[in-house]
């Protein structure tokens, strides 16, 4: 069995999202968790999930999509969306911190150095406020938090410790083994989700992590249509079906069969094992 715990099929360009999902199930795979990044797309996700028994959704706001949003209004709308769709919403996502794109912002880079630094720090603080609000909401309903991290790992862990929330999945893991051990030490039941990155020859730190952490912490995802795993990297658009290559690579690194356990981990973290 295969469970793609994190994908964005609505962003696929080669196939429409319904065909992408259909292909996943036609190949005999079981569950899929669709990640949408704002309120508008979250509503579309729920429409799609209600058409398929084994499609589930994670809601909330990506850190790159919070510009100009009203915190209180946004969180209230999302909470109501969750309460009306509890049977389909399995986690809170795509929340976290993303400092990479702040540094790449062309408008910010046109500012003089001192003002540029102040603007970046203000935007980082705004991301932190939204991230904390997401954690508190996850805590309120005891939902797993799927964390987005890009060049912000220290602040992510600091905030998790500040609010003391341990029910989380670290999505699309790209850090090293040392950081993974810090996460696990803080949250012994947390999950670390590996994407196509684990198949890249250049991702030695990620591979070392997949090889050495306890299997109980491991999930698999595609983050499709991005990060197509080897041997299809640069050749094909990523899609949920390619989760199998992520799982196979993890098994190769660990020298053990692990697809059944990874599938079980996925059911447990999303509380689907009780259905």
C-alpha atoms as a PDB file:
ATOM      1  CA  UNK A   1       0.000   0.000   0.000  1.00  0.00           C
ATOM      2  CA  UNK A   2       1.117   3.553  -0.735  1.00  0.00           C
ATOM      3  CA  UNK A   3      -0.054   6.791   0.903  1.00  0.00           C
ATOM      4  CA  UNK A   4       1.011  10.080  -0.690  1.00  0.00           C
ATOM      5  CA  UNK A   5       0.796  12.274   2.393  1.00  0.00           C
ATOM      6  CA  UNK A   6       1.452  15.552   0.605  1.00  0.00           C
ATOM      7  CA  UNK A   7       0.683  16.586  -2.972  1.00  0.00           C
ATOM      8  CA  UNK A   8      -0.691  19.490  -4.988  1.00  0.00           C
ATOM      9  CA  UNK A   9      -2.442  17.858  -7.982  1.00  0.00           C
ATOM     10  CA  UNK A  10      -4.254  21.078  -8.882  1.00  0.00           C
ATOM     11  CA  UNK A  11      -0.867  22.500  -9.938  1.00  0.00           C
ATOM     12  CA  UNK A  12      -0.083  19.736 -12.422  1.00  0.00           C
ATOM     13  CA  UNK A  13       0.138  21.064 -15.976  1.00  0.00           C
ATOM     14  CA  UNK A  14       0.335  17.835 -17.954  1.00  0.00           C
ATOM     15  CA  UNK A  15      -2.805  16.275 -16.436  1.00  0.00           C
ATOM     16  CA  UNK A  16      -5.789  17.787 -14.684  1.00  0.00           C
ATOM     17  CA  UNK A  17      -6.042  16.958 -10.992  1.00  0.00           C
ATOM     18  CA  UNK A  18      -8.876  14.460 -11.323  1.00  0.00           C
ATOM     19  CA  UNK A  19      -6.930  12.404 -13.863  1.00  0.00           C
ATOM     20  CA  UNK A  20      -3.829  12.571 -11.659  1.00  0.00           C
ATOM     21  CA  UNK A  21      -5.763  11.206  -8.698  1.00  0.00           C
ATOM     22  CA  UNK A  22      -7.508   8.585 -10.829  1.00  0.00           C
ATOM     23  CA  UNK A  23      -4.132   7.305 -12.077  1.00  0.00           C
ATOM     24  CA  UNK A  24      -2.930   7.010  -8.478  1.00  0.00           C
ATOM     25  CA  UNK A  25      -5.875   4.807  -7.497  1.00  0.00           C
ATOM     26  CA  UNK A  26      -5.848   2.845 -10.759  1.00  0.00           C
ATOM     27  CA  UNK A  27      -2.343   1.680  -9.851  1.00  0.00           C
ATOM     28  CA  UNK A  28      -3.693   0.141  -6.663  1.00  0.00           C
ATOM     29  CA  UNK A  29      -2.575   2.785  -4.158  1.00  0.00           C
ATOM     30  CA  UNK A  30      -4.844   3.543  -1.246  1.00  0.00           C
ATOM     31  CA  UNK A  31      -4.788   7.061   0.254  1.00  0.00           C
ATOM     32  CA  UNK A  32      -3.892  10.566  -0.839  1.00  0.00           C
ATOM     33  CA  UNK A  33      -3.713  13.796   1.141  1.00  0.00           C
ATOM     34  CA  UNK A  34      -4.221  16.913  -0.976  1.00  0.00           C
ATOM     35  CA  UNK A  35      -2.565  20.097   0.226  1.00  0.00           C
ATOM     36  CA  UNK A  36      -4.060  23.423  -0.765  1.00  0.00           C
ATOM     37  CA  UNK A  37      -2.456  26.666   0.276  1.00  0.00           C
ATOM     38  CA  UNK A  38      -5.185  29.265   0.756  1.00  0.00           C
ATOM     39  CA  UNK A  39      -8.888  29.592   1.486  1.00  0.00           C
ATOM     40  CA  UNK A  40     -10.035  29.634  -2.137  1.00  0.00           C
ATOM     41  CA  UNK A  41      -8.148  26.506  -3.125  1.00  0.00           C
ATOM     42  CA  UNK A  42      -9.008  24.779   0.148  1.00  0.00           C
ATOM     43  CA  UNK A  43     -12.679  24.967  -0.782  1.00  0.00           C
ATOM     44  CA  UNK A  44     -11.883  23.385  -4.154  1.00  0.00           C
ATOM     45  CA  UNK A  45      -9.970  20.636  -2.383  1.00  0.00           C
ATOM     46  CA  UNK A  46     -12.948  19.772  -0.238  1.00  0.00           C
ATOM     47  CA  UNK A  47     -15.186  19.557  -3.301  1.00  0.00           C
ATOM     48  CA  UNK A  48     -12.768  17.082  -4.836  1.00  0.00           C
ATOM     49  CA  UNK A  49     -12.277  15.090  -1.618  1.00  0.00           C
ATOM     50  CA  UNK A  50     -16.005  14.605  -1.264  1.00  0.00           C
ATOM     51  CA  UNK A  51     -16.017  12.788  -4.618  1.00  0.00           C
ATOM     52  CA  UNK A  52     -13.526  10.122  -3.490  1.00  0.00           C
ATOM     53  CA  UNK A  53     -13.594   8.027  -0.323  1.00  0.00           C
ATOM     54  CA  UNK A  54      -9.814   7.819   0.025  1.00  0.00           C
ATOM     55  CA  UNK A  55      -8.968  11.465  -0.677  1.00  0.00           C
ATOM     56  CA  UNK A  56      -8.329  13.666   2.339  1.00  0.00           C
ATOM     57  CA  UNK A  57      -7.417  17.303   2.731  1.00  0.00           C
ATOM     58  CA  UNK A  58      -5.174  19.493   4.844  1.00  0.00           C
ATOM     59  CA  UNK A  59      -6.230  23.114   5.250  1.00  0.00           C
ATOM     60  CA  UNK A  60      -4.759  26.459   6.143  1.00  0.00           C
ATOM     61  CA  UNK A  61      -2.375  29.041   4.766  1.00  0.00           C
ATOM     62  CA  UNK A  62       1.087  28.739   3.224  1.00  0.00           C
ATOM     63  CA  UNK A  63       3.552  31.289   4.678  1.00  0.00           C
ATOM     64  CA  UNK A  64       4.063  32.760   1.207  1.00  0.00           C
ATOM     65  CA  UNK A  65       0.307  33.389   0.857  1.00  0.00           C
ATOM     66  CA  UNK A  66      -0.340  35.446   3.986  1.00  0.00           C
ATOM     67  CA  UNK A  67       0.526  38.867   2.569  1.00  0.00           C
ATOM     68  CA  UNK A  68      -2.227  41.400   3.325  1.00  0.00           C
ATOM     69  CA  UNK A  69      -4.373  38.841   5.162  1.00  0.00           C
ATOM     70  CA  UNK A  70      -6.288  39.735   8.295  1.00  0.00           C
ATOM     71  CA  UNK A  71      -5.180  37.212  10.924  1.00  0.00           C
ATOM     72  CA  UNK A  72      -8.377  37.032  12.980  1.00  0.00           C
ATOM     73  CA  UNK A  73     -10.741  36.956  10.001  1.00  0.00           C
ATOM     74  CA  UNK A  74      -8.652  34.370   8.150  1.00  0.00           C
ATOM     75  CA  UNK A  75      -8.274  31.986  11.074  1.00  0.00           C
ATOM     76  CA  UNK A  76     -11.988  32.200  11.892  1.00  0.00           C
ATOM     77  CA  UNK A  77     -12.956  31.395   8.302  1.00  0.00           C
ATOM     78  CA  UNK A  78     -10.569  28.460   8.192  1.00  0.00           C
ATOM     79  CA  UNK A  79     -11.761  27.142  11.535  1.00  0.00           C
ATOM     80  CA  UNK A  80     -15.359  27.203  10.313  1.00  0.00           C
ATOM     81  CA  UNK A  81     -14.293  25.418   7.138  1.00  0.00           C
ATOM     82  CA  UNK A  82     -12.712  22.691   9.249  1.00  0.00           C
ATOM     83  CA  UNK A  83     -15.726  22.329  11.559  1.00  0.00           C
ATOM     84  CA  UNK A  84     -18.030  21.813   8.562  1.00  0.00           C
ATOM     85  CA  UNK A  85     -15.742  19.200   7.000  1.00  0.00           C
ATOM     86  CA  UNK A  86     -14.238  17.272   9.903  1.00  0.00           C
ATOM     87  CA  UNK A  87     -14.525  13.913   8.174  1.00  0.00           C
ATOM     88  CA  UNK A  88     -12.304  15.044   5.291  1.00  0.00           C
ATOM     89  CA  UNK A  89      -9.787  17.332   6.980  1.00  0.00           C
ATOM     90  CA  UNK A  90      -6.960  15.318   8.536  1.00  0.00           C
ATOM     91  CA  UNK A  91      -4.350  17.974   9.307  1.00  0.00           C
ATOM     92  CA  UNK A  92      -3.486  21.658   9.390  1.00  0.00           C
ATOM     93  CA  UNK A  93      -1.253  22.811   6.586  1.00  0.00           C
ATOM     94  CA  UNK A  94       0.522  24.415   4.728  1.00  0.00           C
ATOM     95  CA  UNK A  95       1.854  26.421   7.612  1.00  0.00           C
ATOM     96  CA  UNK A  96       5.308  27.236   8.864  1.00  0.00           C
ATOM     97  CA  UNK A  97       8.062  29.630   7.900  1.00  0.00           C
ATOM     98  CA  UNK A  98       9.668  30.382   4.552  1.00  0.00           C
ATOM     99  CA  UNK A  99      12.610  32.788   4.604  1.00  0.00           C
ATOM    100  CA  UNK A 100      13.963  31.662   1.233  1.00  0.00           C
ATOM    101  CA  UNK A 101      11.436  33.571  -0.846  1.00  0.00           C
ATOM    102  CA  UNK A 102      11.799  36.694   1.286  1.00  0.00           C
ATOM    103  CA  UNK A 103      15.428  36.867   0.251  1.00  0.00           C
ATOM    104  CA  UNK A 104      14.403  36.331  -3.393  1.00  0.00           C
ATOM    105  CA  UNK A 105      11.687  39.018  -3.424  1.00  0.00           C
ATOM    106  CA  UNK A 106      12.589  41.470  -6.203  1.00  0.00           C
ATOM    107  CA  UNK A 107      10.701  44.378  -4.647  1.00  0.00           C
ATOM    108  CA  UNK A 108      12.508  43.955  -1.336  1.00  0.00           C
ATOM    109  CA  UNK A 109      15.875  43.584  -3.028  1.00  0.00           C
ATOM    110  CA  UNK A 110      15.443  46.994  -4.663  1.00  0.00           C
ATOM    111  CA  UNK A 111      15.400  48.670  -1.248  1.00  0.00           C
ATOM    112  CA  UNK A 112      18.512  50.123   0.352  1.00  0.00           C
ATOM    113  CA  UNK A 113      20.347  47.712   2.667  1.00  0.00           C
ATOM    114  CA  UNK A 114      19.149  49.037   6.051  1.00  0.00           C
ATOM    115  CA  UNK A 115      15.509  49.403   5.025  1.00  0.00           C
ATOM    116  CA  UNK A 116      15.619  46.039   3.248  1.00  0.00           C
ATOM    117  CA  UNK A 117      16.737  44.315   6.451  1.00  0.00           C
ATOM    118  CA  UNK A 118      13.940  45.954   8.436  1.00  0.00           C
ATOM    119  CA  UNK A 119      11.295  44.900   5.904  1.00  0.00           C
ATOM    120  CA  UNK A 120      12.544  41.307   5.880  1.00  0.00           C
ATOM    121  CA  UNK A 121      12.492  41.147   9.683  1.00  0.00           C
ATOM    122  CA  UNK A 122       8.935  42.536   9.774  1.00  0.00           C
ATOM    123  CA  UNK A 123       7.790  39.943   7.237  1.00  0.00           C
ATOM    124  CA  UNK A 124       9.480  37.184   9.233  1.00  0.00           C
ATOM    125  CA  UNK A 125       7.639  38.356  12.350  1.00  0.00           C
ATOM    126  CA  UNK A 126       4.352  38.318  10.435  1.00  0.00           C
ATOM    127  CA  UNK A 127       5.000  34.729   9.333  1.00  0.00           C
ATOM    128  CA  UNK A 128       5.748  33.766  12.932  1.00  0.00           C
ATOM    129  CA  UNK A 129       2.440  35.243  14.119  1.00  0.00           C
ATOM    130  CA  UNK A 130       0.475  33.239  11.555  1.00  0.00           C
ATOM    131  CA  UNK A 131       2.489  30.098  12.327  1.00  0.00           C
ATOM    132  CA  UNK A 132       1.707  30.418  16.037  1.00  0.00           C
ATOM    133  CA  UNK A 133      -1.984  30.907  15.260  1.00  0.00           C
ATOM    134  CA  UNK A 134      -1.980  27.697  13.205  1.00  0.00           C
ATOM    135  CA  UNK A 135      -0.300  25.772  16.007  1.00  0.00           C
ATOM    136  CA  UNK A 136      -2.826  26.993  18.553  1.00  0.00           C
ATOM    137  CA  UNK A 137      -5.686  25.929  16.307  1.00  0.00           C
ATOM    138  CA  UNK A 138      -4.107  22.514  15.780  1.00  0.00           C
ATOM    139  CA  UNK A 139      -3.759  22.232  19.539  1.00  0.00           C
ATOM    140  CA  UNK A 140      -7.419  23.162  20.037  1.00  0.00           C
ATOM    141  CA  UNK A 141      -8.623  20.264  17.860  1.00  0.00           C
ATOM    142  CA  UNK A 142      -5.687  17.884  18.385  1.00  0.00           C
ATOM    143  CA  UNK A 143      -4.851  17.816  14.687  1.00  0.00           C
ATOM    144  CA  UNK A 144      -1.413  17.036  13.297  1.00  0.00           C
ATOM    145  CA  UNK A 145       0.440  20.071  12.037  1.00  0.00           C
ATOM    146  CA  UNK A 146       2.214  19.696   8.689  1.00  0.00           C
ATOM    147  CA  UNK A 147       5.177  22.037   8.810  1.00  0.00           C
ATOM    148  CA  UNK A 148       6.697  23.956   5.920  1.00  0.00           C
ATOM    149  CA  UNK A 149      10.290  24.983   6.519  1.00  0.00           C
ATOM    150  CA  UNK A 150      12.638  26.749   4.160  1.00  0.00           C
ATOM    151  CA  UNK A 151      15.797  28.274   5.596  1.00  0.00           C
ATOM    152  CA  UNK A 152      13.952  28.793   8.891  1.00  0.00           C
ATOM    153  CA  UNK A 153      14.556  25.577  10.843  1.00  0.00           C
ATOM    154  CA  UNK A 154      15.828  27.160  14.078  1.00  0.00           C
ATOM    155  CA  UNK A 155      12.842  29.493  14.379  1.00  0.00           C
ATOM    156  CA  UNK A 156      10.436  26.640  13.547  1.00  0.00           C
ATOM    157  CA  UNK A 157      11.747  24.486  16.386  1.00  0.00           C
ATOM    158  CA  UNK A 158      11.877  27.432  18.795  1.00  0.00           C
ATOM    159  CA  UNK A 159       8.199  28.227  18.168  1.00  0.00           C
ATOM    160  CA  UNK A 160       7.150  24.587  18.521  1.00  0.00           C
ATOM    161  CA  UNK A 161       8.893  24.500  21.878  1.00  0.00           C
ATOM    162  CA  UNK A 162       7.412  27.837  22.912  1.00  0.00           C
ATOM    163  CA  UNK A 163       3.845  26.575  22.376  1.00  0.00           C
ATOM    164  CA  UNK A 164       4.866  23.024  23.299  1.00  0.00           C
ATOM    165  CA  UNK A 165       3.105  21.262  20.454  1.00  0.00           C
ATOM    166  CA  UNK A 166       4.497  17.884  19.468  1.00  0.00           C
ATOM    167  CA  UNK A 167       1.893  16.466  17.100  1.00  0.00           C
ATOM    168  CA  UNK A 168       3.537  17.399  13.818  1.00  0.00           C
ATOM    169  CA  UNK A 169       4.857  16.212  10.466  1.00  0.00           C
ATOM    170  CA  UNK A 170       7.986  17.843   9.088  1.00  0.00           C
ATOM    171  CA  UNK A 171       7.109  17.996   5.407  1.00  0.00           C
ATOM    172  CA  UNK A 172       9.526  17.541   2.485  1.00  0.00           C
ATOM    173  CA  UNK A 173      12.510  17.013   4.740  1.00  0.00           C
ATOM    174  CA  UNK A 174      15.659  18.724   3.481  1.00  0.00           C
ATOM    175  CA  UNK A 175      17.741  19.133   6.648  1.00  0.00           C
ATOM    176  CA  UNK A 176      20.425  16.869   8.112  1.00  0.00           C
ATOM    177  CA  UNK A 177      20.364  14.016  10.631  1.00  0.00           C
ATOM    178  CA  UNK A 178      21.407  16.289  13.495  1.00  0.00           C
ATOM    179  CA  UNK A 179      18.321  18.458  13.070  1.00  0.00           C
ATOM    180  CA  UNK A 180      16.051  15.422  12.723  1.00  0.00           C
ATOM    181  CA  UNK A 181      17.380  14.145  16.037  1.00  0.00           C
ATOM    182  CA  UNK A 182      16.559  17.514  17.634  1.00  0.00           C
ATOM    183  CA  UNK A 183      12.970  17.237  16.383  1.00  0.00           C
ATOM    184  CA  UNK A 184      12.654  13.669  17.641  1.00  0.00           C
ATOM    185  CA  UNK A 185      14.175  14.505  21.017  1.00  0.00           C
ATOM    186  CA  UNK A 186      11.566  17.242  21.463  1.00  0.00           C
ATOM    187  CA  UNK A 187       8.663  15.242  19.998  1.00  0.00           C
ATOM    188  CA  UNK A 188       9.285  11.473  20.238  1.00  0.00           C
ATOM    189  CA  UNK A 189       6.179  10.647  18.166  1.00  0.00           C
ATOM    190  CA  UNK A 190       6.690  13.227  15.408  1.00  0.00           C
ATOM    191  CA  UNK A 191       6.866  12.235  11.752  1.00  0.00           C
ATOM    192  CA  UNK A 192       9.444  13.226   9.159  1.00  0.00           C
ATOM    193  CA  UNK A 193       8.180  13.100   5.591  1.00  0.00           C
ATOM    194  CA  UNK A 194      10.535  12.387   2.709  1.00  0.00           C
ATOM    195  CA  UNK A 195       9.871  13.523  -0.858  1.00  0.00           C
ATOM    196  CA  UNK A 196      11.678  12.935  -4.154  1.00  0.00           C
ATOM    197  CA  UNK A 197      14.642  14.792  -2.655  1.00  0.00           C
ATOM    198  CA  UNK A 198      15.687  11.562  -0.935  1.00  0.00           C
ATOM    199  CA  UNK A 199      16.339  10.035  -4.376  1.00  0.00           C
ATOM    200  CA  UNK A 200      18.712  12.828  -5.471  1.00  0.00           C
ATOM    201  CA  UNK A 201      22.408  11.917  -5.467  1.00  0.00           C
ATOM    202  CA  UNK A 202      23.236  15.369  -4.093  1.00  0.00           C
ATOM    203  CA  UNK A 203      20.967  14.962  -1.031  1.00  0.00           C
ATOM    204  CA  UNK A 204      23.438  13.077   1.161  1.00  0.00           C
ATOM    205  CA  UNK A 205      22.204  14.642   4.407  1.00  0.00           C
ATOM    206  CA  UNK A 206      18.594  13.741   3.651  1.00  0.00           C
ATOM    207  CA  UNK A 207      19.576  10.203   2.700  1.00  0.00           C
ATOM    208  CA  UNK A 208      21.589   9.816   5.886  1.00  0.00           C
ATOM    209  CA  UNK A 209      18.533  10.901   7.858  1.00  0.00           C
ATOM    210  CA  UNK A 210      16.215   8.439   6.085  1.00  0.00           C
ATOM    211  CA  UNK A 211      18.717   5.683   6.732  1.00  0.00           C
ATOM    212  CA  UNK A 212      19.313   6.309  10.418  1.00  0.00           C
ATOM    213  CA  UNK A 213      16.180   7.547  12.163  1.00  0.00           C
ATOM    214  CA  UNK A 214      13.727   5.018  13.577  1.00  0.00           C
ATOM    215  CA  UNK A 215      11.291   3.810  10.913  1.00  0.00           C
ATOM    216  CA  UNK A 216       8.348   4.782  13.119  1.00  0.00           C
ATOM    217  CA  UNK A 217       9.059   8.445  12.290  1.00  0.00           C
ATOM    218  CA  UNK A 218       9.031   8.105   8.500  1.00  0.00           C
ATOM    219  CA  UNK A 219       6.338   9.147   6.008  1.00  0.00           C
ATOM    220  CA  UNK A 220       6.509   9.418   2.216  1.00  0.00           C
ATOM    221  CA  UNK A 221       5.188  12.114  -0.100  1.00  0.00           C
ATOM    222  CA  UNK A 222       5.670  13.572  -3.554  1.00  0.00           C
ATOM    223  CA  UNK A 223       4.996  17.301  -3.020  1.00  0.00           C
ATOM    224  CA  UNK A 224       3.945  16.934  -6.638  1.00  0.00           C
ATOM    225  CA  UNK A 225       4.097  18.420  -9.162  1.00  0.00           C
ATOM    226  CA  UNK A 226       7.482  19.449  -7.765  1.00  0.00           C
ATOM    227  CA  UNK A 227      10.572  17.362  -6.907  1.00  0.00           C
ATOM    228  CA  UNK A 228      10.081  14.475  -9.307  1.00  0.00           C
ATOM    229  CA  UNK A 229      12.130  11.544  -7.959  1.00  0.00           C
ATOM    230  CA  UNK A 230      14.932   9.832  -9.817  1.00  0.00           C
ATOM    231  CA  UNK A 231      15.029   8.335 -12.381  1.00  0.00           C
ATOM    232  CA  UNK A 232      12.357  10.686 -13.782  1.00  0.00           C
ATOM    233  CA  UNK A 233      13.819  13.959 -12.497  1.00  0.00           C
ATOM    234  CA  UNK A 234      13.860  16.675 -15.200  1.00  0.00           C
ATOM    235  CA  UNK A 235      12.018  14.269 -17.526  1.00  0.00           C
ATOM    236  CA  UNK A 236       8.468  14.066 -16.204  1.00  0.00           C
ATOM    237  CA  UNK A 237       6.100  16.091 -14.076  1.00  0.00           C
ATOM    238  CA  UNK A 238       5.781  14.654 -10.593  1.00  0.00           C
ATOM    239  CA  UNK A 239       2.487  13.068  -9.546  1.00  0.00           C
ATOM    240  CA  UNK A 240       1.183  11.040  -6.575  1.00  0.00           C
ATOM    241  CA  UNK A 241       1.901   7.720  -8.296  1.00  0.00           C
ATOM    242  CA  UNK A 242       5.635   8.448  -7.943  1.00  0.00           C
ATOM    243  CA  UNK A 243       5.402   8.039  -4.169  1.00  0.00           C
ATOM    244  CA  UNK A 244       6.426   4.432  -4.823  1.00  0.00           C
ATOM    245  CA  UNK A 245       9.906   5.575  -5.895  1.00  0.00           C
ATOM    246  CA  UNK A 246      10.348   7.548  -2.679  1.00  0.00           C
ATOM    247  CA  UNK A 247       9.405   4.492  -0.617  1.00  0.00           C
ATOM    248  CA  UNK A 248      11.668   2.252  -2.686  1.00  0.00           C
ATOM    249  CA  UNK A 249      14.626   4.587  -2.161  1.00  0.00           C
ATOM    250  CA  UNK A 250      14.077   4.656   1.592  1.00  0.00           C
ATOM    251  CA  UNK A 251      13.982   0.843   1.609  1.00  0.00           C
ATOM    252  CA  UNK A 252      17.191   0.734  -0.429  1.00  0.00           C
ATOM    253  CA  UNK A 253      18.961   3.095   1.971  1.00  0.00           C
ATOM    254  CA  UNK A 254      17.842   1.138   5.022  1.00  0.00           C
ATOM    255  CA  UNK A 255      18.328  -2.332   3.552  1.00  0.00           C
ATOM    256  CA  UNK A 256      14.898  -3.357   4.784  1.00  0.00           C
ATOM    257  CA  UNK A 257      11.316  -3.623   3.581  1.00  0.00           C
ATOM    258  CA  UNK A 258       9.442  -0.638   4.906  1.00  0.00           C
ATOM    259  CA  UNK A 259       6.444   0.181   2.696  1.00  0.00           C
ATOM    260  CA  UNK A 260       3.959  -1.489   5.060  1.00  0.00           C
ATOM    261  CA  UNK A 261       5.295   0.354   8.112  1.00  0.00           C
ATOM    262  CA  UNK A 262       5.395   3.723   6.330  1.00  0.00           C
ATOM    263  CA  UNK A 263       1.794   3.185   5.227  1.00  0.00           C
ATOM    264  CA  UNK A 264       0.816   2.323   8.806  1.00  0.00           C
ATOM    265  CA  UNK A 265       2.601   5.444  10.101  1.00  0.00           C
ATOM    266  CA  UNK A 266       0.545   7.538   7.685  1.00  0.00           C
ATOM    267  CA  UNK A 267      -2.752   6.066   8.832  1.00  0.00           C
ATOM    268  CA  UNK A 268      -1.833   6.579  12.488  1.00  0.00           C
ATOM    269  CA  UNK A 269      -0.750  10.224  12.280  1.00  0.00           C
ATOM    270  CA  UNK A 270      -3.941  11.154  10.382  1.00  0.00           C
ATOM    271  CA  UNK A 271      -6.099   8.941  12.634  1.00  0.00           C
ATOM    272  CA  UNK A 272      -7.332   6.950   9.648  1.00  0.00           C
ATOM    273  CA  UNK A 273      -6.351   3.628  11.230  1.00  0.00           C
ATOM    274  CA  UNK A 274      -9.507   3.825  13.328  1.00  0.00           C
ATOM    275  CA  UNK A 275     -11.845   4.132  10.330  1.00  0.00           C
END
